[in-house]
Protein backbone atom coordinates (compact mmCIF):
# COMPACT_ATOMS: atom_id res chain seq x y z
CA MET A 1 -50.41 -6.60 16.03
CA ARG A 2 -53.43 -8.10 17.70
CA LEU A 3 -53.03 -10.18 20.82
CA LEU A 4 -55.34 -12.06 23.15
CA LEU A 5 -54.69 -10.98 26.72
CA CYS A 6 -55.04 -13.83 29.18
CA VAL A 7 -54.45 -14.09 32.93
CA PRO A 8 -51.72 -13.70 33.85
CA PHE A 9 -50.39 -11.23 31.27
CA LEU A 10 -47.40 -13.44 30.54
CA SER A 11 -49.66 -15.88 28.72
CA LEU A 12 -50.07 -14.33 25.26
CA ALA A 13 -51.75 -15.77 22.19
CA LEU A 14 -50.25 -13.93 19.22
CA PHE A 15 -51.96 -14.00 15.87
CA ALA A 16 -49.41 -12.45 13.51
CA GLN A 17 -47.58 -15.18 11.64
CA GLN A 18 -43.83 -14.89 11.05
CA THR A 19 -41.27 -17.17 9.46
CA THR A 20 -39.46 -19.12 12.16
CA PRO A 21 -35.87 -17.85 12.25
CA GLN A 22 -32.81 -20.07 12.09
CA PRO A 23 -31.32 -20.89 15.53
CA SER A 24 -28.00 -19.26 14.56
CA GLU A 25 -29.59 -15.84 14.03
CA THR A 26 -29.55 -14.72 17.64
CA ASN A 27 -27.38 -11.60 17.73
CA PHE A 28 -30.12 -8.97 18.18
CA GLN A 29 -31.65 -7.31 21.23
CA ILE A 30 -34.56 -5.29 22.58
CA SER A 31 -33.69 -2.59 25.12
CA GLY A 32 -35.29 0.45 26.65
CA ILE A 33 -36.74 2.06 29.75
CA VAL A 34 -40.12 1.80 31.47
CA VAL A 35 -41.53 5.14 32.61
CA ASN A 36 -44.64 6.37 34.36
CA ALA A 37 -46.88 7.59 31.52
CA ILE A 38 -48.18 10.47 33.68
CA ARG A 39 -45.08 11.78 35.44
CA GLY A 40 -42.38 10.52 33.09
CA GLU A 41 -40.22 9.07 35.88
CA ALA A 42 -38.41 5.74 35.50
CA LEU A 43 -40.25 2.77 37.03
CA PRO A 44 -38.07 0.33 38.97
CA HIS A 45 -39.19 -3.17 39.96
CA THR A 46 -41.39 -3.53 36.87
CA LYS A 47 -41.78 -6.96 35.31
CA VAL A 48 -41.16 -6.67 31.56
CA THR A 49 -42.02 -9.49 29.21
CA ILE A 50 -41.40 -10.21 25.55
CA ALA A 51 -43.11 -13.02 23.63
CA ALA A 52 -42.06 -14.12 20.16
CA SER A 53 -44.86 -14.08 17.60
CA PHE A 54 -43.21 -16.95 15.73
CA GLY A 55 -43.16 -19.18 18.81
CA ARG A 56 -45.83 -18.95 21.47
CA ASN A 57 -43.64 -20.71 24.02
CA GLN A 58 -40.77 -18.27 23.56
CA VAL A 59 -41.53 -15.92 26.44
CA TYR A 60 -38.80 -14.03 28.30
CA THR A 61 -39.17 -12.00 31.50
CA MET A 62 -36.97 -9.66 33.50
CA THR A 63 -37.47 -7.06 36.25
CA THR A 64 -36.19 -3.53 35.84
CA GLY A 65 -33.63 -2.17 38.28
CA GLY A 66 -33.62 1.20 39.96
CA ASP A 67 -33.13 2.97 36.63
CA GLY A 68 -36.22 1.36 35.05
CA LYS A 69 -34.18 -0.08 32.18
CA PHE A 70 -34.64 -3.46 30.50
CA LEU A 71 -32.58 -5.51 28.07
CA PHE A 72 -33.31 -8.74 26.21
CA ALA A 73 -30.20 -9.97 24.36
CA ASN A 74 -29.40 -12.81 21.94
CA LEU A 75 -32.72 -12.61 20.13
CA ALA A 76 -33.53 -14.10 16.75
CA PRO A 77 -35.03 -11.89 14.03
CA GLY A 78 -38.79 -11.56 14.12
CA LYS A 79 -41.50 -9.71 16.00
CA TYR A 80 -41.93 -9.65 19.75
CA SER A 81 -44.83 -8.39 21.84
CA LEU A 82 -43.72 -6.25 24.75
CA GLY A 83 -45.65 -6.07 28.02
CA ALA A 84 -45.30 -4.71 31.55
CA GLN A 85 -46.65 -5.52 35.00
CA ARG A 86 -46.29 -3.42 38.13
CA GLN A 87 -48.30 -2.85 41.29
CA GLY A 88 -50.53 0.17 40.88
CA PHE A 89 -50.48 -0.17 37.08
CA TYR A 90 -52.80 -2.33 35.02
CA ASP A 91 -51.16 -5.04 32.88
CA GLN A 92 -50.53 -3.59 29.44
CA GLY A 93 -48.75 -4.04 26.16
CA PHE A 94 -46.58 -1.51 24.35
CA GLN A 95 -48.77 1.25 22.84
CA GLN A 96 -51.82 -0.85 23.62
CA HIS A 97 -55.25 0.11 22.26
CA GLU A 98 -58.06 -2.33 23.09
CA ALA A 99 -56.64 -5.78 22.18
CA TYR A 100 -53.99 -4.37 19.85
CA THR A 101 -50.36 -3.52 20.59
CA THR A 102 -47.26 -2.43 18.72
CA ALA A 103 -44.92 -5.38 18.34
CA ILE A 104 -41.16 -4.74 18.28
CA ALA A 105 -39.53 -5.79 15.01
CA VAL A 106 -36.06 -7.27 15.49
CA GLY A 107 -33.48 -7.94 12.78
CA PRO A 108 -31.11 -6.33 10.31
CA GLY A 109 -31.93 -2.66 9.82
CA LYS A 110 -34.64 -2.74 12.51
CA GLN A 111 -34.62 -0.25 15.40
CA SER A 112 -35.24 -2.18 18.62
CA ASP A 113 -33.03 -0.30 21.11
CA ASN A 114 -33.69 2.68 23.40
CA ILE A 115 -37.44 2.05 23.51
CA VAL A 116 -39.37 4.30 25.87
CA PHE A 117 -42.25 2.24 27.29
CA PRO A 118 -44.77 4.59 28.99
CA VAL A 119 -46.89 2.53 31.42
CA LYS A 120 -50.23 3.95 32.55
CA PRO A 121 -51.30 3.71 36.21
CA GLU A 122 -54.60 2.01 36.93
CA SER A 123 -57.75 3.94 37.80
CA ALA A 124 -60.59 3.21 40.20
CA ILE A 125 -64.21 4.09 40.96
CA TYR A 126 -65.54 3.76 44.47
CA GLY A 127 -68.62 4.94 46.34
CA ARG A 128 -71.49 4.14 48.69
CA ILE A 129 -75.07 3.08 48.11
CA VAL A 130 -77.51 4.58 50.64
CA ASP A 131 -81.28 4.49 51.05
CA GLU A 132 -83.74 7.37 51.37
CA GLN A 133 -82.69 7.86 55.00
CA SER A 134 -79.02 8.10 53.98
CA GLU A 135 -78.44 4.76 55.69
CA PRO A 136 -76.02 2.27 54.07
CA LEU A 137 -77.71 -0.20 51.73
CA ARG A 138 -75.98 -3.56 51.80
CA ASN A 139 -76.06 -6.26 49.14
CA ALA A 140 -77.10 -3.89 46.36
CA GLN A 141 -76.03 -5.04 42.91
CA VAL A 142 -73.67 -2.42 41.49
CA ILE A 143 -72.90 -2.75 37.77
CA LEU A 144 -70.07 -1.02 35.91
CA TYR A 145 -70.51 -0.18 32.23
CA GLU A 146 -68.08 1.29 29.73
CA ARG A 147 -68.91 3.23 26.58
CA THR A 148 -66.58 2.07 23.84
CA ALA A 149 -66.28 1.75 20.07
CA GLU A 150 -64.26 -1.47 20.16
CA GLU A 151 -66.97 -3.27 18.16
CA GLY A 152 -67.05 -0.53 15.57
CA VAL A 153 -69.94 1.53 16.90
CA LEU A 154 -70.38 3.26 20.24
CA LYS A 155 -71.96 0.86 22.73
CA THR A 156 -72.34 0.77 26.48
CA GLN A 157 -70.92 -2.58 27.60
CA ASN A 158 -71.17 -4.42 30.92
CA ARG A 159 -67.64 -4.63 32.34
CA HIS A 160 -67.90 -5.66 36.00
CA GLN A 161 -70.42 -6.09 38.76
CA SER A 162 -70.17 -6.15 42.50
CA ARG A 163 -72.28 -5.92 45.66
CA SER A 164 -72.22 -3.25 48.30
CA ASP A 165 -70.85 -4.32 51.67
CA ASP A 166 -72.29 -3.75 55.17
CA LEU A 167 -71.33 -0.08 54.93
CA GLY A 168 -72.95 0.28 51.51
CA ALA A 169 -69.50 0.62 49.94
CA PHE A 170 -68.32 -0.71 46.59
CA ARG A 171 -65.13 -0.37 44.56
CA PHE A 172 -64.06 -1.10 40.99
CA SER A 173 -60.27 -1.06 40.65
CA HIS A 174 -57.62 -1.96 38.04
CA LEU A 175 -59.52 0.11 35.46
CA ARG A 176 -58.12 1.45 32.21
CA PRO A 177 -58.81 4.99 31.00
CA GLY A 178 -62.29 5.29 29.53
CA THR A 179 -65.86 6.51 29.93
CA TYR A 180 -67.82 4.57 32.54
CA PHE A 181 -71.33 4.43 33.99
CA ILE A 182 -72.75 2.95 37.19
CA ALA A 183 -76.18 1.29 37.60
CA VAL A 184 -77.69 -0.13 40.80
CA ILE A 185 -80.37 -2.80 41.24
CA ALA A 186 -81.62 -3.36 44.78
CA ARG A 187 -84.68 -4.07 46.92
CA PRO A 188 -85.61 -2.19 50.09
CA TRP A 189 -84.71 -4.37 53.05
CA TYR A 190 -88.02 -3.52 54.74
CA ALA A 191 -90.22 -4.01 51.64
CA MET A 192 -93.34 -6.09 52.15
CA ALA A 193 -94.94 -6.95 48.83
CA GLN A 194 -98.71 -7.02 49.31
CA ASN A 195 -100.85 -9.02 46.92
CA SER A 196 -104.49 -8.38 46.10
CA TYR A 197 -105.75 -11.65 47.53
CA SER A 198 -105.23 -10.83 51.18
CA VAL A 199 -106.43 -8.01 53.39
CA ALA A 200 -103.65 -5.46 53.76
CA SER A 201 -103.15 -3.20 56.71
CA GLU A 202 -102.30 0.43 56.09
CA GLY A 203 -98.80 -0.14 57.40
CA ALA A 204 -98.19 -3.10 55.13
CA THR A 205 -99.39 -1.13 52.12
CA LEU A 206 -96.94 1.65 52.93
CA LEU A 207 -94.19 -0.95 52.82
CA ASP A 208 -95.25 -2.22 49.40
CA VAL A 209 -92.42 -0.36 47.64
CA ALA A 210 -89.52 -1.04 45.29
CA TYR A 211 -86.37 0.64 44.03
CA PRO A 212 -86.22 1.39 40.31
CA VAL A 213 -82.98 0.72 38.46
CA THR A 214 -80.92 3.78 39.41
CA TYR A 215 -77.98 5.25 37.56
CA PHE A 216 -75.26 7.55 38.81
CA GLN A 217 -76.03 10.36 39.66
CA GLY A 218 -79.44 9.38 41.05
CA THR A 219 -81.50 9.15 37.84
CA GLN A 220 -83.79 6.38 36.56
CA ASP A 221 -83.28 7.48 32.94
CA PRO A 222 -80.27 5.79 31.29
CA ASP A 223 -79.98 8.67 28.82
CA SER A 224 -79.49 11.03 31.77
CA ALA A 225 -76.87 8.85 33.48
CA LEU A 226 -73.76 10.86 34.36
CA PRO A 227 -70.62 9.51 32.64
CA ILE A 228 -67.50 9.03 34.71
CA VAL A 229 -64.48 9.87 32.55
CA LEU A 230 -61.31 8.25 33.87
CA HIS A 231 -57.83 9.23 32.79
CA ALA A 232 -54.82 7.12 33.73
CA GLY A 233 -54.35 7.16 37.51
CA ASP A 234 -57.72 8.77 38.30
CA SER A 235 -59.87 7.83 41.29
CA ALA A 236 -63.53 8.84 41.03
CA THR A 237 -66.28 8.82 43.63
CA ALA A 238 -69.79 7.72 42.69
CA ASP A 239 -72.17 7.83 45.66
CA ILE A 240 -75.75 6.86 44.81
CA SER A 241 -78.92 7.36 46.84
CA LEU A 242 -81.91 5.13 46.11
CA VAL A 243 -85.47 6.41 46.49
CA PRO A 244 -88.35 3.91 46.81
CA VAL A 245 -91.54 4.16 44.77
CA ALA A 246 -94.87 2.37 45.05
CA ALA A 247 -94.49 -1.17 43.76
CA LEU A 248 -96.52 -2.27 40.75
CA HIS A 249 -98.99 -5.17 40.65
CA LEU A 250 -99.30 -7.10 37.41
CA GLN A 251 -101.90 -9.82 36.81
CA VAL A 252 -101.74 -12.77 34.44
CA SER A 253 -104.71 -15.08 33.81
CA ARG A 254 -104.46 -18.54 32.28
CA ARG A 255 -106.22 -21.87 32.30
CA ARG A 256 -105.26 -24.29 35.03
CA VAL A 257 -104.28 -27.32 32.96
CA ASP A 258 -103.68 -26.21 29.39
CA PRO A 259 -100.04 -26.58 28.30
CA SER A 260 -100.80 -24.68 25.10
CA ARG A 261 -101.27 -21.52 27.16
CA PRO A 262 -98.22 -19.37 28.01
CA THR A 263 -96.55 -19.94 31.37
CA MET A 264 -96.08 -17.47 34.16
CA PRO A 265 -93.88 -14.72 32.69
CA SER A 266 -90.49 -13.83 34.09
CA LEU A 267 -89.41 -10.19 34.25
CA VAL A 268 -85.79 -9.28 33.55
CA PRO A 269 -84.84 -5.60 34.02
CA ARG A 270 -83.18 -3.80 31.12
CA VAL A 271 -80.18 -1.62 31.84
CA PHE A 272 -78.78 0.61 29.11
CA GLY A 273 -81.08 -1.13 26.64
CA ARG A 274 -80.00 -4.69 27.45
CA SER A 275 -81.37 -7.47 29.61
CA GLN A 276 -79.57 -7.53 32.94
CA ASP A 277 -80.43 -10.96 34.28
CA LEU A 278 -79.03 -10.82 37.79
CA SER A 279 -79.65 -12.94 40.84
CA GLY A 280 -81.82 -11.53 43.57
CA SER A 281 -84.87 -10.66 41.48
CA THR A 282 -86.82 -7.67 42.70
CA GLN A 283 -90.24 -9.18 42.07
CA MET A 284 -92.30 -11.91 43.76
CA SER A 285 -95.50 -13.64 42.74
CA SER A 286 -98.69 -14.97 44.30
CA THR A 287 -101.51 -17.11 42.95
CA SER A 288 -105.26 -17.55 43.33
CA SER A 289 -107.69 -19.78 41.49
CA ASN A 290 -111.17 -19.31 40.17
CA GLY A 291 -112.64 -22.45 38.74
CA GLY A 292 -110.53 -23.54 35.79
CA THR A 293 -108.59 -20.28 35.66
CA ILE A 294 -105.41 -19.41 37.51
CA VAL A 295 -104.86 -15.74 38.25
CA GLU A 296 -101.21 -15.05 38.95
CA GLU A 297 -99.96 -11.76 40.27
CA ILE A 298 -96.45 -10.37 40.03
CA VAL A 299 -95.81 -8.00 42.90
CA GLY A 300 -92.94 -5.93 44.24
CA VAL A 301 -92.05 -4.65 40.75
CA ALA A 302 -90.52 -1.21 40.27
CA PRO A 303 -91.54 0.89 37.26
CA GLY A 304 -89.12 0.61 34.37
CA GLN A 305 -88.26 -1.31 31.24
CA TYR A 306 -88.25 -5.11 31.29
CA ASP A 307 -87.89 -8.10 29.05
CA VAL A 308 -90.91 -10.35 29.64
CA GLN A 309 -90.39 -14.00 28.77
CA THR A 310 -92.95 -16.81 28.66
CA HIS A 311 -92.91 -20.43 27.50
CA THR A 312 -95.59 -22.38 25.66
CA VAL A 313 -95.81 -26.10 24.84
CA SER A 314 -97.09 -26.38 21.29
CA ALA A 315 -98.26 -29.36 19.28
CA GLY A 316 -95.69 -32.13 19.39
CA ASN A 317 -94.56 -31.02 22.86
CA ALA A 318 -92.18 -28.46 21.37
CA LEU A 319 -91.27 -25.71 23.81
CA GLN A 320 -91.61 -22.23 22.34
CA THR A 321 -90.24 -19.14 24.02
CA SER A 322 -91.88 -15.75 23.66
CA ASN A 323 -90.10 -12.53 24.47
CA ARG A 324 -91.13 -8.90 24.53
CA THR A 325 -89.73 -5.65 25.83
CA VAL A 326 -92.22 -3.56 27.81
CA THR A 327 -92.15 -0.34 29.78
CA LEU A 328 -94.10 -0.72 33.03
CA SER A 329 -95.45 2.39 34.70
CA LYS A 330 -98.70 1.36 36.42
CA ASP A 331 -100.69 -1.62 37.69
CA GLY A 332 -102.32 -3.66 34.99
CA ILE A 333 -102.67 -6.90 33.12
CA LEU A 334 -99.86 -8.61 31.25
CA ASP A 335 -101.41 -10.03 28.08
CA VAL A 336 -98.99 -12.86 27.46
CA GLU A 337 -101.15 -14.15 24.61
CA ASP A 338 -100.22 -11.05 22.61
CA TYR A 339 -96.48 -11.52 22.89
CA THR A 340 -94.50 -12.11 19.72
CA PRO A 341 -92.84 -15.54 19.90
CA VAL A 342 -89.29 -16.06 18.84
CA VAL A 343 -88.77 -17.17 15.27
CA HIS A 344 -87.12 -20.52 14.61
CA VAL A 345 -84.33 -20.44 12.04
CA SER A 346 -83.04 -23.56 10.30
CA GLY A 347 -80.63 -24.01 7.45
CA ILE A 348 -77.83 -25.86 5.73
CA VAL A 349 -74.28 -24.94 4.79
CA ASN A 350 -73.06 -26.12 1.40
CA PHE A 351 -69.27 -26.26 1.30
CA ALA A 352 -68.34 -25.65 -2.33
CA GLY A 353 -65.96 -28.23 -3.74
CA ALA A 354 -65.43 -29.93 -0.39
CA THR A 355 -67.13 -31.94 2.31
CA GLY A 356 -66.40 -29.19 4.78
CA PRO A 357 -64.40 -29.03 8.01
CA GLN A 358 -64.86 -31.47 10.86
CA GLU A 359 -66.12 -28.73 13.16
CA ALA A 360 -67.98 -25.58 12.21
CA SER A 361 -70.62 -23.34 13.70
CA ILE A 362 -73.02 -20.70 12.44
CA GLN A 363 -73.31 -17.58 14.58
CA PHE A 364 -76.00 -14.92 14.73
CA ARG A 365 -74.87 -11.63 16.27
CA GLU A 366 -77.74 -9.33 17.27
CA ALA A 367 -77.02 -5.96 15.69
CA ASN A 368 -78.18 -3.77 18.58
CA SER A 369 -76.98 -5.70 21.60
CA GLY A 370 -74.03 -7.60 20.14
CA VAL A 371 -75.31 -10.82 21.79
CA LEU A 372 -73.92 -13.85 19.95
CA ASN A 373 -75.95 -17.02 19.36
CA SER A 374 -73.57 -19.80 18.29
CA ASN A 375 -74.76 -23.14 16.89
CA THR A 376 -72.59 -26.13 15.95
CA LEU A 377 -73.36 -27.72 12.60
CA SER A 378 -74.52 -31.32 12.58
CA ALA A 379 -72.74 -34.09 10.69
CA ASN A 380 -74.94 -33.13 7.73
CA ASN A 381 -73.76 -29.51 7.93
CA ASP A 382 -77.19 -28.24 8.95
CA PHE A 383 -78.73 -26.49 11.96
CA GLN A 384 -82.31 -26.70 13.17
CA ASN A 385 -84.81 -24.49 15.01
CA ILE A 386 -82.51 -21.78 16.33
CA PRO A 387 -84.77 -19.44 18.37
CA LEU A 388 -84.17 -15.78 17.50
CA LYS A 389 -86.11 -12.68 18.47
CA PRO A 390 -87.29 -10.53 15.56
CA GLY A 391 -84.66 -7.99 14.55
CA SER A 392 -81.43 -7.52 12.61
CA TYR A 393 -78.56 -10.01 12.87
CA GLN A 394 -75.12 -10.46 11.36
CA ILE A 395 -74.34 -14.00 10.20
CA LEU A 396 -70.86 -15.38 10.84
CA MET A 397 -69.22 -18.76 10.47
CA ALA A 398 -66.54 -20.11 12.78
CA THR A 399 -64.44 -22.88 11.31
CA ARG A 400 -60.93 -24.08 10.68
CA GLY A 401 -59.30 -24.50 7.32
CA GLY A 402 -59.87 -21.11 5.73
CA TYR A 403 -63.57 -21.43 4.92
CA PHE A 404 -65.76 -18.35 4.53
CA ILE A 405 -69.39 -17.51 3.77
CA GLN A 406 -69.66 -16.86 0.05
CA GLY A 407 -73.41 -16.29 -0.15
CA ILE A 408 -76.67 -16.50 1.79
CA THR A 409 -80.24 -17.01 0.57
CA ALA A 410 -83.31 -17.11 2.78
CA VAL A 411 -86.95 -18.17 2.67
CA GLY A 412 -89.08 -16.15 5.09
CA ALA A 413 -86.54 -13.38 5.77
CA LYS A 414 -84.62 -10.62 4.01
CA VAL A 415 -80.86 -11.00 3.57
CA THR A 416 -78.54 -8.12 2.65
CA GLY A 417 -74.87 -9.05 2.42
CA ARG A 418 -74.05 -10.86 5.67
CA SER A 419 -77.04 -9.37 7.55
CA ILE A 420 -80.51 -10.86 7.99
CA GLU A 421 -83.74 -9.25 9.16
CA ILE A 422 -85.74 -11.76 11.21
CA PRO A 423 -89.48 -10.99 10.83
CA SER A 424 -92.14 -11.15 13.54
CA SER A 425 -93.27 -14.60 12.41
CA GLY A 426 -91.54 -17.61 10.97
CA PRO A 427 -90.10 -20.07 10.35
CA VAL A 428 -87.00 -19.00 8.40
CA GLN A 429 -84.94 -21.32 6.20
CA LEU A 430 -81.37 -20.40 5.20
CA THR A 431 -79.07 -21.80 2.55
CA ILE A 432 -75.46 -20.76 3.08
CA THR A 433 -72.70 -21.36 0.55
CA ALA A 434 -69.19 -21.61 1.97
CA SER A 435 -65.93 -21.68 0.06
CA ARG A 436 -62.29 -22.11 0.93
CA GLY A 437 -59.51 -19.66 0.25
CA VAL A 438 -59.33 -16.73 2.65
CA ALA A 439 -56.70 -14.17 1.79
CA GLN A 440 -54.01 -12.28 3.70
CA ILE A 441 -53.04 -8.64 3.37
CA SER A 442 -49.71 -7.39 4.64
CA GLY A 443 -48.20 -3.98 4.29
CA VAL A 444 -46.59 -0.89 5.75
CA ALA A 445 -48.19 2.22 7.21
CA GLN A 446 -46.13 5.24 6.26
CA ARG A 447 -45.99 8.92 7.15
CA ASN A 448 -44.01 11.04 4.69
CA ASP A 449 -42.45 7.83 3.32
CA ASP A 450 -41.26 6.80 6.80
CA PRO A 451 -42.72 3.76 8.62
CA ALA A 452 -45.37 4.72 11.19
CA SER A 453 -46.00 2.58 14.28
CA GLY A 454 -49.07 2.36 16.51
CA VAL A 455 -51.44 3.23 13.66
CA MET A 456 -54.92 1.69 13.35
CA ILE A 457 -55.34 -0.27 10.11
CA VAL A 458 -58.94 -0.77 8.98
CA LEU A 459 -60.06 -2.87 6.02
CA VAL A 460 -63.53 -1.60 5.07
CA PRO A 461 -65.79 -3.88 2.98
CA GLN A 462 -68.07 -2.73 0.21
CA ASP A 463 -71.51 -1.86 1.67
CA PRO A 464 -70.09 -1.78 5.22
CA ALA A 465 -73.47 -1.39 6.94
CA SER A 466 -74.55 -4.85 5.72
CA ASN A 467 -71.18 -6.58 5.95
CA THR A 468 -69.81 -5.88 9.41
CA PRO A 469 -68.31 -9.41 9.72
CA LEU A 470 -65.99 -8.61 6.78
CA PHE A 471 -64.13 -5.78 8.56
CA ARG A 472 -60.54 -6.51 9.56
CA ARG A 473 -58.26 -4.43 11.81
CA ASP A 474 -54.71 -4.37 13.04
CA GLN A 475 -52.17 -2.01 14.61
CA SER A 476 -48.89 -1.26 12.85
CA ASP A 477 -45.76 -2.52 14.56
CA SER A 478 -42.49 -0.72 15.32
CA ASP A 479 -41.36 -0.98 11.68
CA GLY A 480 -44.76 0.17 10.41
CA THR A 481 -45.77 -3.29 9.18
CA PHE A 482 -49.15 -4.90 9.69
CA THR A 483 -50.97 -8.12 8.80
CA LEU A 484 -54.68 -8.65 8.12
CA ALA A 485 -55.43 -12.37 8.23
CA ASP A 486 -58.48 -14.38 7.14
CA VAL A 487 -59.70 -11.75 4.69
CA LEU A 488 -62.72 -12.85 2.70
CA PRO A 489 -62.76 -12.27 -1.08
CA GLY A 490 -64.40 -9.04 -2.20
CA ASN A 491 -63.85 -5.33 -2.76
CA TYR A 492 -62.46 -3.24 0.09
CA THR A 493 -60.92 0.08 1.05
CA ALA A 494 -57.81 -0.03 3.27
CA LEU A 495 -57.24 2.83 5.74
CA ALA A 496 -54.38 3.81 8.06
CA ILE A 497 -55.71 6.15 10.75
CA GLU A 498 -53.63 7.74 13.51
CA ASN A 499 -54.78 8.75 17.02
CA ARG A 500 -58.43 7.82 16.44
CA TRP A 501 -58.93 4.61 18.37
CA ASP A 502 -62.21 6.08 19.58
CA LEU A 503 -63.47 6.13 15.97
CA GLU A 504 -66.69 4.24 15.19
CA TRP A 505 -64.85 2.29 12.51
CA ALA A 506 -67.94 0.26 11.45
CA ASN A 507 -70.13 3.36 11.09
CA PRO A 508 -70.23 4.45 7.42
CA TYR A 509 -70.86 8.08 8.41
CA ALA A 510 -67.87 8.15 10.76
CA LEU A 511 -65.68 6.56 8.07
CA ALA A 512 -66.75 8.96 5.31
CA PRO A 513 -64.00 11.59 5.92
CA TYR A 514 -61.29 8.92 5.53
CA MET A 515 -62.57 6.84 2.62
CA ALA A 516 -61.50 9.19 -0.22
CA LYS A 517 -57.82 8.87 0.82
CA GLY A 518 -58.00 5.11 1.34
CA GLU A 519 -56.54 2.42 -0.89
CA ALA A 520 -59.01 0.43 -3.03
CA VAL A 521 -58.29 -3.30 -2.80
CA LYS A 522 -59.78 -6.21 -4.73
CA VAL A 523 -59.22 -9.46 -2.86
CA GLU A 524 -59.31 -12.81 -4.64
CA ALA A 525 -59.65 -16.14 -2.87
CA GLY A 526 -56.34 -17.28 -1.38
CA ALA A 527 -54.50 -14.10 -2.40
CA LYS A 528 -51.51 -12.70 -0.52
CA LEU A 529 -51.37 -8.95 -1.05
CA ASN A 530 -48.95 -6.26 0.05
CA LEU A 531 -49.92 -2.61 0.52
CA ARG A 532 -48.31 0.71 1.41
CA LEU A 533 -50.83 2.93 3.19
CA ASN A 534 -50.43 6.62 3.85
CA VAL A 535 -51.39 7.58 7.39
CA GLN A 536 -54.37 9.90 7.78
């Protein structure tokens, strides 16, 4: 069962659909004991919650006694999510993996008593940021990343960020088990950025320094960053020392009053391959003029990788944004004229056999970064001049009423399945055909003919590399059942995989060992299918 965890944990949005039971069918119960997942001891004073999947407002809560036991009586048949809250333990669902949990099935012939609910203690990472003199560095931006396969391929995702205090200390708490990284962005408190248009003293020049983006354990290379592997209940220390380097000086020349020329560029540092647009920029600028030309200088910049963004007013007063990733290692000239502008993408959605839903949006998910660009359709079901950087994108549609993308054609770009390759120049025009009639797949995961709970269910589309939006996942519930909703018509392979929640489930190479034992499924529009999947 998939759930959406909100704050607090008691507020659950459950997606599995069940038939609402009759009020008279209330002679069932859920009972069990909450234990420490590490030491196995019973956990008293733990808040335990169940929420009915057939009624979002049917939420029941109790607190365990000294024996750690819980009991919910007089329940109607159906499925219930089970969650726990306790100080020193992060909020979690029963057998939770990512946003998936094992729901408890209640009813005739269902086993819902004597449940052992192992609850994992929270973990933490703490440390100090110091300068080259081993003095505390306050107000440094400390960013926590996690390496995870929750989107189907291994990615390093930004999870939290904080600032060091007056003692240089930082702390990230309430963490789940996982693999984490730390990056720091800061500016020397004594730095004095010196531009080329004034006479600099030797002392001022020595203070013209900057801190590069620094990763734990003291490296500027993200590929050499030391991972911090946290198990349940771990506390890890990550002290980081920053070392200043000579700041770079970058010059940009442009005409004084020519709106068709690019503007002063902005530099955004890249951390783990993504723009990390944080407050407290590490660079400053200065300006001089020479006749009709403005010479602008960006100073106080540390060597490293940046996204450089400029804006240009074109004919018709349209604002165009240009973006480019550069690696800066020495003083020089930024040739903003040479930057590749973003490509503007327009298109229309044709809803087959219908006028379409009242609200719908087309989304472009960048393949490498996962950044989502969402655009609401107009009353005419079209979208205009969406600025996208060149690269590969997955196209999705968000709508109500069971509509799905049936086909995509493009002028000015290459489309494969639900993926599009945006070229270095445009524009691009899309025609998207949408139909109605998404399907649903239900079934049972089984091990030696017995129902298997807590198993990852993956529905793999044909040509998975080009059709990532078509994947569907779930986790089998206590009776082994699962539901895959909003399945788009097409050919698939259904898999039931145990103890591999770290699997890159959208990576065809990682899936290859499992595909031969999967179940081939042909899905028609509006179908309701039922499967029995053997656990691998």
